[in-house]
Amino acid sequence: MNHDKHYSSKAIEPIEVIEETIKRLDGKLDPINAYNVAQSLKYILRAGLKEGESVEKDLDKALNYLTRGVTGKWRGEE
């Protein structure tokens, strides 16, 4: 399978980290919150590696997904 270089440039691919983390959280988060945690991990693990995306932008996306995973709302939503 072809992988984007911003995901396959690590010794361990981000998908492996994400899958193991979600397995470990099984039953502790509902599926939607688990998805949001997975998305946050994706952005953290690729931060600054995808062409055209800054570290700050990726980390901001990660924080937004993590906030939604914890609170059920995007940052800034009331």
PDB file of N, CA and C in Angstrom:
ATOM      1  N   MET A   1       0.845  -1.174   0.000  1.00  0.00           N
ATOM      2  CA  MET A   1       0.000   0.000   0.000  1.00  0.00           C
ATOM      3  C   MET A   1       0.895   1.242   0.000  1.00  0.00           C
ATOM      4  N   ASN A   2       0.500   2.234  -0.766  1.00  0.00           N
ATOM      5  CA  ASN A   2       1.238   3.494  -0.785  1.00  0.00           C
ATOM      6  C   ASN A   2       0.811   4.334   0.419  1.00  0.00           C
ATOM      7  N   HIS A   3       1.790   4.878   1.101  1.00  0.00           N
ATOM      8  CA  HIS A   3       1.529   5.722   2.261  1.00  0.00           C
ATOM      9  C   HIS A   3       2.103   7.106   1.984  1.00  0.00           C
ATOM     10  N   ASP A   4       1.388   8.132   2.392  1.00  0.00           N
ATOM     11  CA  ASP A   4       1.930   9.484   2.283  1.00  0.00           C
ATOM     12  C   ASP A   4       3.190   9.571   3.114  1.00  0.00           C
ATOM     13  N   LYS A   5       4.202  10.269   2.577  1.00  0.00           N
ATOM     14  CA  LYS A   5       5.477  10.313   3.295  1.00  0.00           C
ATOM     15  C   LYS A   5       5.374  10.989   4.655  1.00  0.00           C
ATOM     16  N   HIS A   6       4.387  11.858   4.846  1.00  0.00           N
ATOM     17  CA  HIS A   6       4.245  12.497   6.157  1.00  0.00           C
ATOM     18  C   HIS A   6       3.690  11.524   7.197  1.00  0.00           C
ATOM     19  N   TYR A   7       3.224  10.359   6.755  1.00  0.00           N
ATOM     20  CA  TYR A   7       2.795   9.331   7.697  1.00  0.00           C
ATOM     21  C   TYR A   7       3.778   8.180   7.809  1.00  0.00           C
ATOM     22  N   SER A   8       4.617   7.997   6.819  1.00  0.00           N
ATOM     23  CA  SER A   8       5.504   6.828   6.834  1.00  0.00           C
ATOM     24  C   SER A   8       6.963   7.191   7.095  1.00  0.00           C
ATOM     25  N   SER A   9       7.204   8.399   7.548  1.00  0.00           N
ATOM     26  CA  SER A   9       8.587   8.823   7.789  1.00  0.00           C
ATOM     27  C   SER A   9       9.094   8.436   9.169  1.00  0.00           C
ATOM     28  N   LYS A  10       8.276   7.800   9.954  1.00  0.00           N
ATOM     29  CA  LYS A  10       8.648   7.391  11.312  1.00  0.00           C
ATOM     30  C   LYS A  10       8.971   5.903  11.350  1.00  0.00           C
ATOM     31  N   ALA A  11       9.713   5.475  12.363  1.00  0.00           N
ATOM     32  CA  ALA A  11      10.023   4.057  12.531  1.00  0.00           C
ATOM     33  C   ALA A  11       8.740   3.256  12.758  1.00  0.00           C
ATOM     34  N   ILE A  12       7.795   3.850  13.470  1.00  0.00           N
ATOM     35  CA  ILE A  12       6.486   3.246  13.696  1.00  0.00           C
ATOM     36  C   ILE A  12       5.472   4.160  13.015  1.00  0.00           C
ATOM     37  N   GLU A  13       4.623   3.589  12.189  1.00  0.00           N
ATOM     38  CA  GLU A  13       3.646   4.410  11.487  1.00  0.00           C
ATOM     39  C   GLU A  13       2.568   4.901  12.444  1.00  0.00           C
ATOM     40  N   PRO A  14       2.111   6.142  12.246  1.00  0.00           N
ATOM     41  CA  PRO A  14       1.077   6.701  13.114  1.00  0.00           C
ATOM     42  C   PRO A  14      -0.172   5.827  13.229  1.00  0.00           C
ATOM     43  N   ILE A  15      -0.571   5.151  12.161  1.00  0.00           N
ATOM     44  CA  ILE A  15      -1.768   4.317  12.234  1.00  0.00           C
ATOM     45  C   ILE A  15      -1.604   3.232  13.288  1.00  0.00           C
ATOM     46  N   GLU A  16      -0.384   2.725  13.466  1.00  0.00           N
ATOM     47  CA  GLU A  16      -0.135   1.700  14.475  1.00  0.00           C
ATOM     48  C   GLU A  16      -0.298   2.275  15.884  1.00  0.00           C
ATOM     49  N   VAL A  17       0.201   3.480  16.088  1.00  0.00           N
ATOM     50  CA  VAL A  17       0.059   4.147  17.384  1.00  0.00           C
ATOM     51  C   VAL A  17      -1.418   4.418  17.663  1.00  0.00           C
ATOM     52  N   ILE A  18      -2.122   4.916  16.657  1.00  0.00           N
ATOM     53  CA  ILE A  18      -3.537   5.239  16.816  1.00  0.00           C
ATOM     54  C   ILE A  18      -4.342   3.981  17.136  1.00  0.00           C
ATOM     55  N   GLU A  19      -4.116   2.915  16.371  1.00  0.00           N
ATOM     56  CA  GLU A  19      -4.862   1.677  16.613  1.00  0.00           C
ATOM     57  C   GLU A  19      -4.609   1.128  18.005  1.00  0.00           C
ATOM     58  N   GLU A  20      -3.365   1.116  18.444  1.00  0.00           N
ATOM     59  CA  GLU A  20      -3.048   0.606  19.780  1.00  0.00           C
ATOM     60  C   GLU A  20      -3.668   1.474  20.875  1.00  0.00           C
ATOM     61  N   THR A  21      -3.664   2.778  20.675  1.00  0.00           N
ATOM     62  CA  THR A  21      -4.252   3.687  21.659  1.00  0.00           C
ATOM     63  C   THR A  21      -5.758   3.471  21.753  1.00  0.00           C
ATOM     64  N   ILE A  22      -6.422   3.358  20.612  1.00  0.00           N
ATOM     65  CA  ILE A  22      -7.867   3.161  20.611  1.00  0.00           C
ATOM     66  C   ILE A  22      -8.225   1.809  21.219  1.00  0.00           C
ATOM     67  N   LYS A  23      -7.435   0.778  20.950  1.00  0.00           N
ATOM     68  CA  LYS A  23      -7.670  -0.533  21.580  1.00  0.00           C
ATOM     69  C   LYS A  23      -7.565  -0.421  23.097  1.00  0.00           C
ATOM     70  N   ARG A  24      -6.552   0.318  23.569  1.00  0.00           N
ATOM     71  CA  ARG A  24      -6.344   0.478  25.005  1.00  0.00           C
ATOM     72  C   ARG A  24      -7.497   1.248  25.652  1.00  0.00           C
ATOM     73  N   LEU A  25      -8.103   2.147  24.893  1.00  0.00           N
ATOM     74  CA  LEU A  25      -9.214   2.950  25.407  1.00  0.00           C
ATOM     75  C   LEU A  25     -10.567   2.287  25.195  1.00  0.00           C
ATOM     76  N   ASP A  26     -10.584   1.097  24.600  1.00  0.00           N
ATOM     77  CA  ASP A  26     -11.832   0.411  24.305  1.00  0.00           C
ATOM     78  C   ASP A  26     -12.692   0.291  25.563  1.00  0.00           C
ATOM     79  N   GLY A  27     -13.912   0.746  25.440  1.00  0.00           N
ATOM     80  CA  GLY A  27     -14.849   0.683  26.553  1.00  0.00           C
ATOM     81  C   GLY A  27     -14.760   1.878  27.487  1.00  0.00           C
ATOM     82  N   LYS A  28     -13.712   2.678  27.337  1.00  0.00           N
ATOM     83  CA  LYS A  28     -13.555   3.854  28.200  1.00  0.00           C
ATOM     84  C   LYS A  28     -14.075   5.119  27.530  1.00  0.00           C
ATOM     85  N   LEU A  29     -14.186   5.077  26.202  1.00  0.00           N
ATOM     86  CA  LEU A  29     -14.737   6.189  25.439  1.00  0.00           C
ATOM     87  C   LEU A  29     -15.794   5.654  24.496  1.00  0.00           C
ATOM     88  N   ASP A  30     -16.810   6.476  24.231  1.00  0.00           N
ATOM     89  CA  ASP A  30     -17.763   6.052  23.212  1.00  0.00           C
ATOM     90  C   ASP A  30     -17.082   6.188  21.844  1.00  0.00           C
ATOM     91  N   PRO A  31     -17.618   5.540  20.821  1.00  0.00           N
ATOM     92  CA  PRO A  31     -16.953   5.522  19.519  1.00  0.00           C
ATOM     93  C   PRO A  31     -16.684   6.900  18.923  1.00  0.00           C
ATOM     94  N   ILE A  32     -17.575   7.835  19.126  1.00  0.00           N
ATOM     95  CA  ILE A  32     -17.372   9.176  18.568  1.00  0.00           C
ATOM     96  C   ILE A  32     -16.198   9.860  19.257  1.00  0.00           C
ATOM     97  N   ASN A  33     -16.128   9.765  20.566  1.00  0.00           N
ATOM     98  CA  ASN A  33     -15.005  10.376  21.278  1.00  0.00           C
ATOM     99  C   ASN A  33     -13.696   9.660  20.948  1.00  0.00           C
ATOM    100  N   ALA A  34     -13.749   8.351  20.768  1.00  0.00           N
ATOM    101  CA  ALA A  34     -12.547   7.606  20.365  1.00  0.00           C
ATOM    102  C   ALA A  34     -12.065   8.086  19.002  1.00  0.00           C
ATOM    103  N   TYR A  35     -12.995   8.337  18.102  1.00  0.00           N
ATOM    104  CA  TYR A  35     -12.643   8.874  16.784  1.00  0.00           C
ATOM    105  C   TYR A  35     -11.936  10.216  16.926  1.00  0.00           C
ATOM    106  N   ASN A  36     -12.477  11.084  17.768  1.00  0.00           N
ATOM    107  CA  ASN A  36     -11.869  12.400  17.951  1.00  0.00           C
ATOM    108  C   ASN A  36     -10.475  12.298  18.562  1.00  0.00           C
ATOM    109  N   VAL A  37     -10.274  11.386  19.486  1.00  0.00           N
ATOM    110  CA  VAL A  37      -8.940  11.162  20.047  1.00  0.00           C
ATOM    111  C   VAL A  37      -8.003  10.661  18.948  1.00  0.00           C
ATOM    112  N   ALA A  38      -8.490   9.756  18.111  1.00  0.00           N
ATOM    113  CA  ALA A  38      -7.674   9.241  17.002  1.00  0.00           C
ATOM    114  C   ALA A  38      -7.283  10.365  16.053  1.00  0.00           C
ATOM    115  N   GLN A  39      -8.226  11.223  15.745  1.00  0.00           N
ATOM    116  CA  GLN A  39      -7.916  12.357  14.868  1.00  0.00           C
ATOM    117  C   GLN A  39      -6.862  13.264  15.501  1.00  0.00           C
ATOM    118  N   SER A  40      -6.976  13.510  16.791  1.00  0.00           N
ATOM    119  CA  SER A  40      -5.994  14.369  17.457  1.00  0.00           C
ATOM    120  C   SER A  40      -4.607  13.736  17.390  1.00  0.00           C
ATOM    121  N   LEU A  41      -4.538  12.424  17.590  1.00  0.00           N
ATOM    122  CA  LEU A  41      -3.246  11.735  17.487  1.00  0.00           C
ATOM    123  C   LEU A  41      -2.670  11.846  16.083  1.00  0.00           C
ATOM    124  N   LYS A  42      -3.525  11.712  15.078  1.00  0.00           N
ATOM    125  CA  LYS A  42      -3.075  11.823  13.687  1.00  0.00           C
ATOM    126  C   LYS A  42      -2.375  13.164  13.469  1.00  0.00           C
ATOM    127  N   TYR A  43      -2.994  14.232  13.917  1.00  0.00           N
ATOM    128  CA  TYR A  43      -2.410  15.558  13.700  1.00  0.00           C
ATOM    129  C   TYR A  43      -1.153  15.771  14.545  1.00  0.00           C
ATOM    130  N   ILE A  44      -1.120  15.237  15.748  1.00  0.00           N
ATOM    131  CA  ILE A  44       0.085  15.352  16.582  1.00  0.00           C
ATOM    132  C   ILE A  44       1.246  14.612  15.925  1.00  0.00           C
ATOM    133  N   LEU A  45       0.990  13.404  15.458  1.00  0.00           N
ATOM    134  CA  LEU A  45       2.058  12.574  14.912  1.00  0.00           C
ATOM    135  C   LEU A  45       2.569  13.059  13.560  1.00  0.00           C
ATOM    136  N   ARG A  46       1.771  13.814  12.833  1.00  0.00           N
ATOM    137  CA  ARG A  46       2.228  14.325  11.539  1.00  0.00           C
ATOM    138  C   ARG A  46       2.641  15.795  11.612  1.00  0.00           C
ATOM    139  N   ALA A  47       2.571  16.402  12.788  1.00  0.00           N
ATOM    140  CA  ALA A  47       2.813  17.844  12.940  1.00  0.00           C
ATOM    141  C   ALA A  47       4.096  18.277  12.238  1.00  0.00           C
ATOM    142  N   GLY A  48       3.919  19.189  11.294  1.00  0.00           N
ATOM    143  CA  GLY A  48       5.050  19.751  10.567  1.00  0.00           C
ATOM    144  C   GLY A  48       5.608  18.880   9.462  1.00  0.00           C
ATOM    145  N   LEU A  49       5.046  17.712   9.240  1.00  0.00           N
ATOM    146  CA  LEU A  49       5.579  16.801   8.224  1.00  0.00           C
ATOM    147  C   LEU A  49       4.843  16.890   6.889  1.00  0.00           C
ATOM    148  N   LYS A  50       3.581  17.281   6.898  1.00  0.00           N
ATOM    149  CA  LYS A  50       2.827  17.361   5.654  1.00  0.00           C
ATOM    150  C   LYS A  50       3.158  18.674   4.962  1.00  0.00           C
ATOM    151  N   GLU A  51       3.497  18.554   3.695  1.00  0.00           N
ATOM    152  CA  GLU A  51       3.866  19.742   2.929  1.00  0.00           C
ATOM    153  C   GLU A  51       2.730  20.763   2.955  1.00  0.00           C
ATOM    154  N   GLY A  52       3.076  21.987   3.271  1.00  0.00           N
ATOM    155  CA  GLY A  52       2.106  23.066   3.303  1.00  0.00           C
ATOM    156  C   GLY A  52       1.377  23.222   4.622  1.00  0.00           C
ATOM    157  N   GLU A  53       1.625  22.347   5.576  1.00  0.00           N
ATOM    158  CA  GLU A  53       0.975  22.429   6.885  1.00  0.00           C
ATOM    159  C   GLU A  53       2.022  22.712   7.957  1.00  0.00           C
ATOM    160  N   SER A  54       1.828  23.769   8.701  1.00  0.00           N
ATOM    161  CA  SER A  54       2.786  24.114   9.749  1.00  0.00           C
ATOM    162  C   SER A  54       2.560  23.257  10.993  1.00  0.00           C
ATOM    163  N   VAL A  55       3.588  23.203  11.831  1.00  0.00           N
ATOM    164  CA  VAL A  55       3.475  22.504  13.111  1.00  0.00           C
ATOM    165  C   VAL A  55       2.315  23.097  13.902  1.00  0.00           C
ATOM    166  N   GLU A  56       2.259  24.404  13.946  1.00  0.00           N
ATOM    167  CA  GLU A  56       1.221  25.079  14.729  1.00  0.00           C
ATOM    168  C   GLU A  56      -0.181  24.743  14.229  1.00  0.00           C
ATOM    169  N   LYS A  57      -0.354  24.707  12.909  1.00  0.00           N
ATOM    170  CA  LYS A  57      -1.679  24.397  12.357  1.00  0.00           C
ATOM    171  C   LYS A  57      -2.092  22.970  12.707  1.00  0.00           C
ATOM    172  N   ASP A  58      -1.156  22.024  12.558  1.00  0.00           N
ATOM    173  CA  ASP A  58      -1.473  20.639  12.899  1.00  0.00           C
ATOM    174  C   ASP A  58      -1.782  20.495  14.389  1.00  0.00           C
ATOM    175  N   LEU A  59      -1.009  21.146  15.240  1.00  0.00           N
ATOM    176  CA  LEU A  59      -1.253  21.050  16.680  1.00  0.00           C
ATOM    177  C   LEU A  59      -2.558  21.740  17.072  1.00  0.00           C
ATOM    178  N   ASP A  60      -2.909  22.807  16.370  1.00  0.00           N
ATOM    179  CA  ASP A  60      -4.186  23.470  16.616  1.00  0.00           C
ATOM    180  C   ASP A  60      -5.348  22.537  16.251  1.00  0.00           C
ATOM    181  N   LYS A  61      -5.215  21.835  15.116  1.00  0.00           N
ATOM    182  CA  LYS A  61      -6.236  20.856  14.733  1.00  0.00           C
ATOM    183  C   LYS A  61      -6.327  19.749  15.778  1.00  0.00           C
ATOM    184  N   ALA A  62      -5.175  19.287  16.244  1.00  0.00           N
ATOM    185  CA  ALA A  62      -5.157  18.225  17.264  1.00  0.00           C
ATOM    186  C   ALA A  62      -5.875  18.682  18.524  1.00  0.00           C
ATOM    187  N   LEU A  63      -5.588  19.888  18.958  1.00  0.00           N
ATOM    188  CA  LEU A  63      -6.221  20.422  20.165  1.00  0.00           C
ATOM    189  C   LEU A  63      -7.728  20.538  19.982  1.00  0.00           C
ATOM    190  N   ASN A  64      -8.137  20.950  18.791  1.00  0.00           N
ATOM    191  CA  ASN A  64      -9.566  21.080  18.521  1.00  0.00           C
ATOM    192  C   ASN A  64     -10.267  19.718  18.602  1.00  0.00           C
ATOM    193  N   TYR A  65      -9.664  18.678  17.984  1.00  0.00           N
ATOM    194  CA  TYR A  65     -10.257  17.336  18.051  1.00  0.00           C
ATOM    195  C   TYR A  65     -10.215  16.774  19.473  1.00  0.00           C
ATOM    196  N   LEU A  66      -9.127  17.027  20.188  1.00  0.00           N
ATOM    197  CA  LEU A  66      -9.030  16.528  21.558  1.00  0.00           C
ATOM    198  C   LEU A  66     -10.060  17.207  22.453  1.00  0.00           C
ATOM    199  N   THR A  67     -10.245  18.500  22.264  1.00  0.00           N
ATOM    200  CA  THR A  67     -11.269  19.226  23.016  1.00  0.00           C
ATOM    201  C   THR A  67     -12.648  18.633  22.746  1.00  0.00           C
ATOM    202  N   ARG A  68     -12.927  18.357  21.471  1.00  0.00           N
ATOM    203  CA  ARG A  68     -14.226  17.757  21.133  1.00  0.00           C
ATOM    204  C   ARG A  68     -14.351  16.356  21.719  1.00  0.00           C
ATOM    205  N   GLY A  69     -13.252  15.598  21.737  1.00  0.00           N
ATOM    206  CA  GLY A  69     -13.276  14.259  22.314  1.00  0.00           C
ATOM    207  C   GLY A  69     -13.554  14.269  23.806  1.00  0.00           C
ATOM    208  N   VAL A  70     -13.121  15.319  24.479  1.00  0.00           N
ATOM    209  CA  VAL A  70     -13.300  15.408  25.931  1.00  0.00           C
ATOM    210  C   VAL A  70     -14.626  16.073  26.293  1.00  0.00           C
ATOM    211  N   THR A  71     -14.971  17.147  25.569  1.00  0.00           N
ATOM    212  CA  THR A  71     -16.145  17.942  25.949  1.00  0.00           C
ATOM    213  C   THR A  71     -17.361  17.724  25.061  1.00  0.00           C
ATOM    214  N   GLY A  72     -17.150  17.137  23.878  1.00  0.00           N
ATOM    215  CA  GLY A  72     -18.245  16.987  22.921  1.00  0.00           C
ATOM    216  C   GLY A  72     -18.487  18.228  22.091  1.00  0.00           C
ATOM    217  N   LYS A  73     -17.643  19.240  22.277  1.00  0.00           N
ATOM    218  CA  LYS A  73     -17.794  20.498  21.540  1.00  0.00           C
ATOM    219  C   LYS A  73     -16.454  20.925  20.954  1.00  0.00           C
ATOM    220  N   TRP A  74     -16.514  21.661  19.835  1.00  0.00           N
ATOM    221  CA  TRP A  74     -15.303  22.252  19.289  1.00  0.00           C
ATOM    222  C   TRP A  74     -14.865  23.393  20.191  1.00  0.00           C
ATOM    223  N   ARG A  75     -13.596  23.706  20.165  1.00  0.00           N
ATOM    224  CA  ARG A  75     -13.113  24.862  20.938  1.00  0.00           C
ATOM    225  C   ARG A  75     -13.875  26.106  20.487  1.00  0.00           C
ATOM    226  N   GLY A  76     -14.268  26.911  21.437  1.00  0.00           N
ATOM    227  CA  GLY A  76     -14.970  28.139  21.136  1.00  0.00           C
ATOM    228  C   GLY A  76     -16.480  28.003  21.056  1.00  0.00           C
ATOM    229  N   GLU A  77     -16.986  26.767  21.010  1.00  0.00           N
ATOM    230  CA  GLU A  77     -18.440  26.570  21.034  1.00  0.00           C
ATOM    231  C   GLU A  77     -18.947  26.677  22.469  1.00  0.00           C
ATOM    232  N   GLU A  78     -20.090  27.246  22.609  1.00  0.00           N
ATOM    233  CA  GLU A  78     -20.671  27.336  23.945  1.00  0.00           C
ATOM    234  C   GLU A  78     -21.635  26.218  24.191  1.00  0.00           C
TER     235      GLU A  78
END
